[in-house]
């Protein structure tokens, strides 16, 4: 999820439909694609390419842990990546859910053009709908820092 697509934070208390649509107001569809590890690596590099200027497009991830060094040159900042607790395999295909905005090149994410779409815009739910279903399934949301993204200084 691109950080710019997340528009607000919610305080503790009852989580409502209004909250879900306030957090994710753009109605992006969540598509599913087969994505090569090298493409994921390129996407993460794009994500951290403008951090020093608080540039758009910083990815919020799930199922991935990575570290990056903002002092290194753009394109060489990502230092390590694990997917489902395994080192990334640049040749392997991974199932990736992402907003159609990213898949179609928003915020500079042009690297997905060759990836195979499994669930396209027409058949996908919006990001807010996915959040609502997830929150409903959880019942109680217990947010905590998970250390998915580590900055190396």
Protein backbone atom coordinates (compact mmCIF):
# COMPACT_ATOMS: atom_id res chain seq x y z
CA UNK A 1 0.00 0.00 0.00
CA UNK A 2 1.40 3.40 -0.90
CA UNK A 3 1.58 5.63 2.14
CA UNK A 4 -0.13 8.48 0.28
CA UNK A 5 -3.23 6.33 -0.09
CA UNK A 6 -3.61 6.12 3.69
CA UNK A 7 -5.17 9.46 4.60
CA UNK A 8 -5.77 9.43 8.35
CA UNK A 9 -5.21 7.60 11.61
CA UNK A 10 -7.97 6.38 13.88
CA UNK A 11 -8.01 6.79 17.63
CA UNK A 12 -8.85 3.92 19.93
CA UNK A 13 -12.49 3.02 20.30
CA UNK A 14 -15.16 1.73 18.00
CA UNK A 15 -14.04 1.29 14.39
CA UNK A 16 -16.78 2.37 11.98
CA UNK A 17 -17.45 2.24 8.25
CA UNK A 18 -16.86 6.00 8.24
CA UNK A 19 -13.38 5.33 9.69
CA UNK A 20 -12.55 2.81 6.96
CA UNK A 21 -13.53 5.23 4.20
CA UNK A 22 -11.67 8.09 5.92
CA UNK A 23 -8.50 5.99 6.04
CA UNK A 24 -8.83 4.79 2.42
CA UNK A 25 -10.96 7.37 0.58
CA UNK A 26 -9.82 6.86 -3.01
CA UNK A 27 -11.63 3.62 -3.87
CA UNK A 28 -8.53 1.91 -5.24
CA UNK A 29 -9.16 -1.67 -6.26
CA UNK A 30 -6.98 -4.35 -4.65
CA UNK A 31 -5.67 -6.44 -7.51
CA UNK A 32 -3.78 -9.73 -7.20
CA UNK A 33 -0.77 -10.46 -9.40
CA UNK A 34 2.09 -12.91 -9.84
CA UNK A 35 5.19 -10.78 -9.35
CA UNK A 36 8.83 -11.82 -9.71
CA UNK A 37 11.13 -11.29 -6.75
CA UNK A 38 13.28 -8.92 -8.81
CA UNK A 39 10.18 -6.78 -9.44
CA UNK A 40 9.41 -6.67 -5.73
CA UNK A 41 13.02 -5.61 -5.09
CA UNK A 42 12.67 -2.85 -7.70
CA UNK A 43 9.40 -1.70 -6.12
CA UNK A 44 11.04 -1.48 -2.69
CA UNK A 45 13.91 0.54 -4.19
CA UNK A 46 11.35 2.91 -5.72
CA UNK A 47 9.63 3.12 -2.34
CA UNK A 48 12.75 4.41 -0.59
CA UNK A 49 14.11 6.50 -3.47
CA UNK A 50 12.67 9.78 -2.15
CA UNK A 51 12.60 9.29 1.63
CA UNK A 52 14.98 12.16 2.36
CA UNK A 53 12.49 14.61 0.82
CA UNK A 54 9.45 12.79 2.23
CA UNK A 55 8.60 11.88 -1.35
CA UNK A 56 5.38 10.14 -2.28
CA UNK A 57 4.92 6.43 -2.71
CA UNK A 58 6.56 4.99 0.41
CA UNK A 59 5.18 1.45 0.66
CA UNK A 60 3.48 0.04 3.73
CA UNK A 61 4.02 -3.73 3.54
CA UNK A 62 2.69 -6.96 4.95
CA UNK A 63 4.38 -10.35 4.68
CA UNK A 64 7.65 -8.58 3.87
CA UNK A 65 10.46 -7.37 6.10
CA UNK A 66 13.18 -5.20 4.64
CA UNK A 67 15.93 -2.84 5.64
CA UNK A 68 17.28 0.15 3.76
CA UNK A 69 19.97 2.77 4.13
CA UNK A 70 18.82 6.27 3.04
CA UNK A 71 22.45 7.43 2.81
CA UNK A 72 23.21 5.07 -0.09
CA UNK A 73 22.60 6.05 -3.74
CA UNK A 74 19.09 5.66 -5.14
CA UNK A 75 18.73 2.14 -6.53
CA UNK A 76 21.13 0.66 -3.96
CA UNK A 77 19.34 1.49 -0.71
CA UNK A 78 17.50 -1.76 0.02
CA UNK A 79 19.84 -4.00 1.99
CA UNK A 80 17.83 -7.10 2.84
CA UNK A 81 14.38 -8.46 2.03
CA UNK A 82 12.52 -11.42 3.45
CA UNK A 83 9.13 -12.64 2.32
CA UNK A 84 7.24 -14.87 4.72
CA UNK A 85 10.45 -15.06 6.79
CA UNK A 86 12.52 -16.40 3.86
CA UNK A 87 15.16 -14.45 1.91
CA UNK A 88 13.70 -13.09 -1.31
CA UNK A 89 14.32 -15.21 -4.40
CA UNK A 90 14.68 -12.77 -7.31
CA UNK A 91 13.63 -15.43 -9.83
CA UNK A 92 10.58 -16.71 -7.94
CA UNK A 93 7.00 -15.58 -8.56
CA UNK A 94 5.12 -14.27 -5.51
CA UNK A 95 1.42 -13.55 -5.08
CA UNK A 96 1.09 -9.85 -4.37
CA UNK A 97 -2.03 -7.88 -3.49
CA UNK A 98 -1.72 -4.16 -4.20
CA UNK A 99 -3.80 -1.14 -5.13
CA UNK A 100 -4.45 -0.86 -8.85
CA UNK A 101 -2.96 2.65 -8.58
CA UNK A 102 0.45 1.11 -7.89
CA UNK A 103 0.09 -1.73 -10.39
CA UNK A 104 -0.70 0.73 -13.17
CA UNK A 105 2.36 2.90 -12.50
CA UNK A 106 1.26 5.46 -9.90
CA UNK A 107 4.05 7.02 -7.81
CA UNK A 108 6.64 5.67 -10.26
CA UNK A 109 5.77 1.97 -9.85
CA UNK A 110 6.18 1.15 -13.53
CA UNK A 111 7.98 -2.13 -12.84
CA UNK A 112 4.75 -4.17 -12.57
CA UNK A 113 3.88 -3.85 -16.28
CA UNK A 114 5.04 -7.40 -17.10
CA UNK A 115 3.42 -9.07 -14.07
CA UNK A 116 0.51 -11.44 -14.58
CA UNK A 117 -2.78 -10.14 -13.16
CA UNK A 118 -4.87 -12.83 -11.44
CA UNK A 119 -7.63 -10.57 -10.09
CA UNK A 120 -8.06 -7.42 -12.16
CA UNK A 121 -9.70 -4.05 -11.51
CA UNK A 122 -13.06 -5.30 -12.75
CA UNK A 123 -13.23 -8.21 -10.29
CA UNK A 124 -11.42 -6.69 -7.32
CA UNK A 125 -12.81 -5.12 -4.17
CA UNK A 126 -11.84 -1.62 -3.08
CA UNK A 127 -9.15 -1.17 -0.45
CA UNK A 128 -11.74 0.15 2.02
CA UNK A 129 -13.92 -2.94 1.48
CA UNK A 130 -10.93 -5.20 2.17
CA UNK A 131 -10.14 -3.21 5.33
CA UNK A 132 -13.76 -3.47 6.52
CA UNK A 133 -13.80 -7.25 6.01
CA UNK A 134 -10.45 -7.64 7.77
CA UNK A 135 -11.51 -5.52 10.74
CA UNK A 136 -14.79 -7.41 10.98
CA UNK A 137 -12.95 -10.73 10.98
CA UNK A 138 -10.54 -9.54 13.69
CA UNK A 139 -13.26 -8.15 15.94
CA UNK A 140 -10.69 -6.24 17.97
CA UNK A 141 -7.81 -4.51 16.25
CA UNK A 142 -4.62 -4.59 18.32
CA UNK A 143 -2.12 -2.46 16.43
CA UNK A 144 1.54 -2.76 17.31
CA UNK A 145 4.88 -2.02 15.71
CA UNK A 146 6.14 -5.13 13.93
CA UNK A 147 9.48 -3.93 12.59
CA UNK A 148 8.66 -4.75 8.97
CA UNK A 149 10.73 -1.82 7.73
CA UNK A 150 14.12 -1.06 9.30
CA UNK A 151 16.16 2.05 8.56
CA UNK A 152 19.91 1.47 8.70
CA UNK A 153 21.83 4.57 9.80
